[in-house]
C-alpha atoms as a PDB file:
ATOM      1  CA  MET A   1       0.035  -0.028  -0.013  1.00  0.00           C
ATOM      2  CA  SER A   2       1.414   3.376  -0.989  1.00  0.00           C
ATOM      3  CA  ASP A   3       2.087   6.008   1.691  1.00  0.00           C
ATOM      4  CA  ALA A   4       1.250   8.871  -0.630  1.00  0.00           C
ATOM      5  CA  PRO A   5      -2.060  10.566   0.237  1.00  0.00           C
ATOM      6  CA  PRO A   6      -4.663   9.886  -2.383  1.00  0.00           C
ATOM      7  CA  LYS A   7      -6.519  12.438  -4.455  1.00  0.00           C
ATOM      8  CA  PRO A   8     -10.361  12.309  -4.896  1.00  0.00           C
ATOM      9  CA  GLN A   9     -11.539  11.904  -8.430  1.00  0.00           C
ATOM     10  CA  ARG A  10     -15.127  13.117  -8.172  1.00  0.00           C
ATOM     11  CA  ASN A  11     -15.769  16.845  -8.771  1.00  0.00           C
ATOM     12  CA  PRO A  12     -18.130  18.760  -6.480  1.00  0.00           C
ATOM     13  CA  SER A  13     -21.729  19.088  -7.522  1.00  0.00           C
ATOM     14  CA  TRP A  14     -24.143  21.842  -6.340  1.00  0.00           C
ATOM     15  CA  SER A  15     -27.212  19.688  -6.985  1.00  0.00           C
ATOM     16  CA  ARG A  16     -25.906  16.794  -4.892  1.00  0.00           C
ATOM     17  CA  THR A  17     -24.947  19.197  -2.121  1.00  0.00           C
ATOM     18  CA  VAL A  18     -28.460  20.743  -2.016  1.00  0.00           C
ATOM     19  CA  VAL A  19     -30.131  17.311  -1.987  1.00  0.00           C
ATOM     20  CA  ARG A  20     -27.882  16.201   0.850  1.00  0.00           C
ATOM     21  CA  ILE A  21     -28.630  19.316   2.901  1.00  0.00           C
ATOM     22  CA  LEU A  22     -32.407  18.848   2.418  1.00  0.00           C
ATOM     23  CA  MET A  23     -32.185  15.181   3.399  1.00  0.00           C
ATOM     24  CA  ILE A  24     -30.183  16.012   6.548  1.00  0.00           C
ATOM     25  CA  CYS A  25     -32.676  18.674   7.548  1.00  0.00           C
ATOM     26  CA  ALA A  26     -35.594  16.353   6.986  1.00  0.00           C
ATOM     27  CA  GLY A  27     -33.940  13.668   9.055  1.00  0.00           C
ATOM     28  CA  SER A  28     -33.276  16.135  11.897  1.00  0.00           C
ATOM     29  CA  VAL A  29     -37.022  16.860  12.028  1.00  0.00           C
ATOM     30  CA  ALA A  30     -38.017  13.196  11.747  1.00  0.00           C
ATOM     31  CA  ILE A  31     -35.712  12.244  14.589  1.00  0.00           C
ATOM     32  CA  LEU A  32     -38.112  13.974  16.950  1.00  0.00           C
ATOM     33  CA  LEU A  33     -40.919  11.494  16.073  1.00  0.00           C
ATOM     34  CA  PRO A  34     -40.547   9.575  19.347  1.00  0.00           C
ATOM     35  CA  ALA A  35     -41.890  12.657  21.128  1.00  0.00           C
ATOM     36  CA  TRP A  36     -45.196  12.015  19.448  1.00  0.00           C
ATOM     37  CA  LEU A  37     -45.436   8.385  20.536  1.00  0.00           C
ATOM     38  CA  PRO A  38     -48.025   7.433  23.209  1.00  0.00           C
ATOM     39  CA  ASN A  39     -46.800   8.334  26.657  1.00  0.00           C
ATOM     40  CA  ARG A  40     -45.771   5.444  28.921  1.00  0.00           C
ATOM     41  CA  PRO A  41     -45.116   6.813  32.427  1.00  0.00           C
ATOM     42  CA  ASN A  42     -43.771   3.412  33.657  1.00  0.00           C
ATOM     43  CA  VAL A  43     -40.887   3.534  31.122  1.00  0.00           C
ATOM     44  CA  PRO A  44     -38.388   6.379  31.746  1.00  0.00           C
ATOM     45  CA  ILE A  45     -37.548   8.160  28.492  1.00  0.00           C
ATOM     46  CA  GLU A  46     -33.816   7.666  28.814  1.00  0.00           C
ATOM     47  CA  ARG A  47     -34.373   3.922  29.107  1.00  0.00           C
ATOM     48  CA  GLY A  48     -37.004   3.635  26.403  1.00  0.00           C
ATOM     49  CA  THR A  49     -37.437   4.348  22.759  1.00  0.00           C
ATOM     50  CA  VAL A  50     -35.047   7.330  22.667  1.00  0.00           C
ATOM     51  CA  GLU A  51     -32.108   5.481  24.240  1.00  0.00           C
ATOM     52  CA  LEU A  52     -32.573   2.514  21.900  1.00  0.00           C
ATOM     53  CA  LEU A  53     -32.651   4.843  18.896  1.00  0.00           C
ATOM     54  CA  GLN A  54     -29.401   6.425  20.105  1.00  0.00           C
ATOM     55  CA  ALA A  55     -27.701   3.059  20.387  1.00  0.00           C
ATOM     56  CA  PHE A  56     -29.100   1.978  16.983  1.00  0.00           C
ATOM     57  CA  LEU A  57     -27.715   5.081  15.234  1.00  0.00           C
ATOM     58  CA  LEU A  58     -24.288   4.616  16.817  1.00  0.00           C
ATOM     59  CA  ALA A  59     -24.215   0.896  15.941  1.00  0.00           C
ATOM     60  CA  ALA A  60     -25.292   1.706  12.332  1.00  0.00           C
ATOM     61  CA  ALA A  61     -22.520   4.332  12.048  1.00  0.00           C
ATOM     62  CA  ALA A  62     -19.923   1.794  13.322  1.00  0.00           C
ATOM     63  CA  VAL A  63     -21.139  -0.777  10.756  1.00  0.00           C
ATOM     64  CA  VAL A  64     -20.877   1.843   7.929  1.00  0.00           C
ATOM     65  CA  VAL A  65     -17.370   2.833   8.863  1.00  0.00           C
ATOM     66  CA  PHE A  66     -16.104  -0.709   9.235  1.00  0.00           C
ATOM     67  CA  GLY A  67     -17.692  -1.554   5.921  1.00  0.00           C
ATOM     68  CA  ALA A  68     -15.877   1.260   4.242  1.00  0.00           C
ATOM     69  CA  ALA A  69     -12.495   0.127   5.646  1.00  0.00           C
ATOM     70  CA  SER A  70     -12.028  -2.637   3.041  1.00  0.00           C
ATOM     71  CA  HIS A  71     -12.379  -0.037   0.255  1.00  0.00           C
ATOM     72  CA  ALA A  72     -10.498   2.820   1.926  1.00  0.00           C
ATOM     73  CA  GLY A  73      -6.911   1.908   0.968  1.00  0.00           C
ATOM     74  CA  PHE A  74      -4.660   4.547   2.390  1.00  0.00           C
ATOM     75  CA  TYR A  75      -7.345   5.557   4.951  1.00  0.00           C
ATOM     76  CA  ARG A  76      -8.066   1.995   6.169  1.00  0.00           C
ATOM     77  CA  PRO A  77      -6.516   2.565   9.644  1.00  0.00           C
ATOM     78  CA  VAL A  78      -8.621   5.749   9.987  1.00  0.00           C
ATOM     79  CA  CYS A  79     -11.779   3.790   9.412  1.00  0.00           C
ATOM     80  CA  ARG A  80     -10.736   1.247  12.005  1.00  0.00           C
ATOM     81  CA  VAL A  81     -10.042   3.943  14.633  1.00  0.00           C
ATOM     82  CA  LEU A  82     -13.336   5.749  13.845  1.00  0.00           C
ATOM     83  CA  GLY A  83     -15.267   2.461  14.010  1.00  0.00           C
ATOM     84  CA  LEU A  84     -13.739   1.525  17.373  1.00  0.00           C
ATOM     85  CA  GLY A  85     -14.648   4.963  18.734  1.00  0.00           C
ATOM     86  CA  LEU A  86     -18.262   4.473  17.581  1.00  0.00           C
ATOM     87  CA  ILE A  87     -18.384   1.027  19.211  1.00  0.00           C
ATOM     88  CA  ALA A  88     -17.148   2.515  22.483  1.00  0.00           C
ATOM     89  CA  ALA A  89     -19.963   5.141  22.227  1.00  0.00           C
ATOM     90  CA  PHE A  90     -22.429   2.394  21.558  1.00  0.00           C
ATOM     91  CA  VAL A  91     -21.328   0.372  24.585  1.00  0.00           C
ATOM     92  CA  GLY A  92     -21.629   3.436  26.771  1.00  0.00           C
ATOM     93  CA  GLU A  93     -25.145   4.067  25.444  1.00  0.00           C
ATOM     94  CA  ILE A  94     -26.536   0.595  26.058  1.00  0.00           C
ATOM     95  CA  GLU A  95     -25.106   0.296  29.572  1.00  0.00           C
ATOM     96  CA  ASP A  96     -28.111   1.935  31.262  1.00  0.00           C
ATOM     97  CA  PHE A  97     -30.516  -0.255  29.251  1.00  0.00           C
ATOM     98  CA  VAL A  98     -28.669  -3.509  30.090  1.00  0.00           C
ATOM     99  CA  SER A  99     -28.026  -2.752  33.758  1.00  0.00           C
ATOM    100  CA  GLY A 100     -31.237  -0.841  34.520  1.00  0.00           C
ATOM    101  CA  ILE A 101     -33.937  -2.740  32.575  1.00  0.00           C
ATOM    102  CA  LEU A 102     -32.459  -6.194  31.946  1.00  0.00           C
ATOM    103  CA  GLY A 103     -30.797  -6.267  35.386  1.00  0.00           C
ATOM    104  CA  TRP A 104     -27.470  -7.643  34.051  1.00  0.00           C
ATOM    105  CA  LYS A 105     -24.196  -6.466  35.441  1.00  0.00           C
ATOM    106  CA  PHE A 106     -22.341  -4.740  32.624  1.00  0.00           C
ATOM    107  CA  PRO A 107     -18.692  -3.702  33.018  1.00  0.00           C
ATOM    108  CA  GLU A 108     -19.096  -0.607  30.876  1.00  0.00           C
ATOM    109  CA  GLY A 109     -15.846   1.116  32.015  1.00  0.00           C
ATOM    110  CA  VAL A 110     -13.689  -1.947  31.353  1.00  0.00           C
ATOM    111  CA  VAL A 111     -15.153  -2.666  27.910  1.00  0.00           C
ATOM    112  CA  VAL A 112     -14.993   0.953  26.776  1.00  0.00           C
ATOM    113  CA  GLY A 113     -11.407   1.242  28.143  1.00  0.00           C
ATOM    114  CA  LEU A 114     -10.242  -1.797  26.220  1.00  0.00           C
ATOM    115  CA  ILE A 115     -11.843  -0.575  22.969  1.00  0.00           C
ATOM    116  CA  LEU A 116     -10.186   2.857  23.348  1.00  0.00           C
ATOM    117  CA  VAL A 117      -6.776   1.203  24.117  1.00  0.00           C
ATOM    118  CA  VAL A 118      -7.066  -0.790  20.856  1.00  0.00           C
ATOM    119  CA  ALA A 119      -7.989   2.391  19.036  1.00  0.00           C
ATOM    120  CA  LEU A 120      -4.967   4.281  20.525  1.00  0.00           C
ATOM    121  CA  ILE A 121      -2.583   1.432  19.594  1.00  0.00           C
ATOM    122  CA  THR A 122      -3.965   1.476  16.020  1.00  0.00           C
ATOM    123  CA  SER A 123      -3.505   5.243  15.851  1.00  0.00           C
ATOM    124  CA  LEU A 124       0.103   5.039  17.093  1.00  0.00           C
ATOM    125  CA  ARG A 125       0.929   2.285  14.639  1.00  0.00           C
ATOM    126  CA  HIS A 126      -0.359   4.389  11.717  1.00  0.00           C
ATOM    127  CA  ARG A 127       0.721   7.859  12.902  1.00  0.00           C
ATOM    128  CA  LYS A 128       1.410   9.205   9.440  1.00  0.00           C
ATOM    129  CA  VAL A 129      -2.023   8.275   8.114  1.00  0.00           C
ATOM    130  CA  MET A 130      -3.809   9.595  11.222  1.00  0.00           C
ATOM    131  CA  LEU A 131      -1.940  12.885  11.212  1.00  0.00           C
ATOM    132  CA  TYR A 132      -2.658  13.437   7.531  1.00  0.00           C
ATOM    133  CA  PHE A 133      -6.307  12.674   8.122  1.00  0.00           C
ATOM    134  CA  ILE A 134      -6.585  15.075  11.062  1.00  0.00           C
ATOM    135  CA  ALA A 135      -4.750  17.812   9.061  1.00  0.00           C
ATOM    136  CA  SER A 136      -7.174  17.429   6.120  1.00  0.00           C
ATOM    137  CA  LEU A 137     -10.246  16.789   8.265  1.00  0.00           C
ATOM    138  CA  GLY A 138     -11.976  19.911   6.998  1.00  0.00           C
ATOM    139  CA  ASN A 139     -11.898  18.548   3.445  1.00  0.00           C
ATOM    140  CA  HIS A 140     -13.911  15.469   4.349  1.00  0.00           C
ATOM    141  CA  ALA A 141     -17.673  15.368   4.192  1.00  0.00           C
ATOM    142  CA  GLY A 142     -19.295  14.795   7.534  1.00  0.00           C
ATOM    143  CA  SER A 143     -16.578  16.208   9.753  1.00  0.00           C
ATOM    144  CA  GLY A 144     -18.631  19.310  10.457  1.00  0.00           C
ATOM    145  CA  LEU A 145     -21.665  17.257  11.393  1.00  0.00           C
ATOM    146  CA  ILE A 146     -19.601  15.135  13.828  1.00  0.00           C
ATOM    147  CA  ALA A 147     -18.102  18.273  15.337  1.00  0.00           C
ATOM    148  CA  ALA A 148     -21.622  19.740  15.768  1.00  0.00           C
ATOM    149  CA  ALA A 149     -22.759  16.560  17.495  1.00  0.00           C
ATOM    150  CA  LEU A 150     -19.846  16.702  19.934  1.00  0.00           C
ATOM    151  CA  LEU A 151     -20.681  20.351  20.716  1.00  0.00           C
ATOM    152  CA  ILE A 152     -24.258  19.371  21.387  1.00  0.00           C
ATOM    153  CA  ILE A 153     -23.212  16.551  23.766  1.00  0.00           C
ATOM    154  CA  TYR A 154     -20.374  18.207  25.631  1.00  0.00           C
ATOM    155  CA  VAL A 155     -21.319  21.913  25.539  1.00  0.00           C
ATOM    156  CA  PHE A 156     -24.936  22.748  24.606  1.00  0.00           C
ATOM    157  CA  ASN A 157     -26.410  19.767  26.403  1.00  0.00           C
ATOM    158  CA  ARG A 158     -24.709  20.766  29.610  1.00  0.00           C
ATOM    159  CA  VAL A 159     -26.833  23.920  29.662  1.00  0.00           C
ATOM    160  CA  ILE A 160     -30.152  22.762  28.137  1.00  0.00           C
ATOM    161  CA  GLY A 161     -30.017  19.536  30.169  1.00  0.00           C
ATOM    162  CA  SER A 162     -29.320  21.231  33.463  1.00  0.00           C
ATOM    163  CA  THR A 163     -31.959  21.588  36.169  1.00  0.00           C
ATOM    164  CA  ALA A 164     -30.763  25.082  37.074  1.00  0.00           C
ATOM    165  CA  PHE A 165     -31.382  26.373  33.522  1.00  0.00           C
ATOM    166  CA  TRP A 166     -34.996  25.164  33.488  1.00  0.00           C
ATOM    167  CA  LYS A 167     -35.707  26.341  37.011  1.00  0.00           C
ATOM    168  CA  ALA A 168     -34.503  29.836  36.120  1.00  0.00           C
ATOM    169  CA  SER A 169     -36.479  29.746  32.821  1.00  0.00           C
ATOM    170  CA  LEU A 170     -39.799  28.314  34.006  1.00  0.00           C
ATOM    171  CA  GLY A 171     -39.965  29.280  37.615  1.00  0.00           C
ATOM    172  CA  PRO A 172     -43.016  27.734  39.389  1.00  0.00           C
ATOM    173  CA  ALA A 173     -43.942  25.814  36.214  1.00  0.00           C
ATOM    174  CA  PHE A 174     -40.752  23.796  36.410  1.00  0.00           C
ATOM    175  CA  SER A 175     -41.009  19.979  36.332  1.00  0.00           C
ATOM    176  CA  PRO A 176     -38.067  17.618  37.031  1.00  0.00           C
ATOM    177  CA  THR A 177     -38.814  15.629  33.892  1.00  0.00           C
ATOM    178  CA  ILE A 178     -38.193  18.582  31.560  1.00  0.00           C
ATOM    179  CA  PRO A 179     -34.325  18.583  31.764  1.00  0.00           C
ATOM    180  CA  LYS A 180     -34.217  14.775  31.297  1.00  0.00           C
ATOM    181  CA  ILE A 181     -36.445  14.947  28.247  1.00  0.00           C
ATOM    182  CA  CYS A 182     -34.525  17.806  26.672  1.00  0.00           C
ATOM    183  CA  LYS A 183     -31.182  16.114  27.366  1.00  0.00           C
ATOM    184  CA  SER A 184     -32.418  12.812  25.862  1.00  0.00           C
ATOM    185  CA  TYR A 185     -33.626  14.353  22.651  1.00  0.00           C
ATOM    186  CA  LEU A 186     -30.511  16.534  22.240  1.00  0.00           C
ATOM    187  CA  GLU A 187     -28.409  13.356  22.590  1.00  0.00           C
ATOM    188  CA  LEU A 188     -30.635  11.650  20.021  1.00  0.00           C
ATOM    189  CA  LEU A 189     -30.102  14.505  17.602  1.00  0.00           C
ATOM    190  CA  ALA A 190     -26.351  14.316  18.243  1.00  0.00           C
ATOM    191  CA  CYS A 191     -26.380  10.577  17.500  1.00  0.00           C
ATOM    192  CA  TYR A 192     -28.231  11.257  14.259  1.00  0.00           C
ATOM    193  CA  LEU A 193     -25.660  13.830  13.270  1.00  0.00           C
ATOM    194  CA  ILE A 194     -22.861  11.378  14.103  1.00  0.00           C
ATOM    195  CA  PHE A 195     -24.519   8.791  11.925  1.00  0.00           C
ATOM    196  CA  ILE A 196     -24.853  11.182   8.986  1.00  0.00           C
ATOM    197  CA  GLY A 197     -21.295  12.448   9.479  1.00  0.00           C
ATOM    198  CA  ALA A 198     -19.939   8.884   9.617  1.00  0.00           C
ATOM    199  CA  LEU A 199     -21.856   8.066   6.463  1.00  0.00           C
ATOM    200  CA  GLY A 200     -20.345  11.104   4.705  1.00  0.00           C
ATOM    201  CA  LEU A 201     -16.852  10.285   5.923  1.00  0.00           C
ATOM    202  CA  SER A 202     -17.177   6.622   4.834  1.00  0.00           C
ATOM    203  CA  ILE A 203     -18.260   7.677   1.368  1.00  0.00           C
ATOM    204  CA  THR A 204     -15.336  10.009   1.059  1.00  0.00           C
ATOM    205  CA  LEU A 205     -12.778   7.617   2.442  1.00  0.00           C
ATOM    206  CA  ALA A 206     -13.933   4.608   0.461  1.00  0.00           C
ATOM    207  CA  ARG A 207     -14.294   6.513  -2.822  1.00  0.00           C
ATOM    208  CA  ARG A 208     -11.866   5.369  -5.473  1.00  0.00           C
ATOM    209  CA  LYS A 209      -8.853   7.658  -5.666  1.00  0.00           C
ATOM    210  CA  GLU A 210      -5.823   8.032  -7.816  1.00  0.00           C
ATOM    211  CA  HIS A 211      -2.360   8.606  -6.400  1.00  0.00           C
ATOM    212  CA  PRO A 212      -0.424  11.749  -7.320  1.00  0.00           C
END
């Protein structure tokens, strides 16, 4: 396998870009459909439909990335590292469902730690490829969507999902379930953006390329 970074062959298209934007926006609206499902007070939202959808989107993203690895050539190690990161996120997402609902003891920290160690070893073994990918990350489709998802999870969700924010906003009308519901749906939206971003990255990385 050549160490020279590959060059994409396909030229940009405005029509394809517009169609993709419309599809992503439609999906962002459709992802809120669980909010319209019949209410089941005995099933907490974070352990019900929303959590399972989050796990499904992360698992689907991991499958897509690993599927693209066999066609990625130069970027094969990148696909493996991204896939391992998505599996770690999937494991972290299903922990509450497995432990809380099924009642099984699930060593989430150990499993996630092992997966991340494997990802780190893979990154160190292929430093050149990983550094080139990171340096050119802005040129890959989907990187902006994944970045937006991480901002939602680690920045925006900290505010919108906090009890203090809703107490200050609603005052006497505050209900303890509001922060949990908002946090759950923001995480679901973030998982959807990660799935779309992983799909875009996989298409870009697995696309046939010619070497300079």
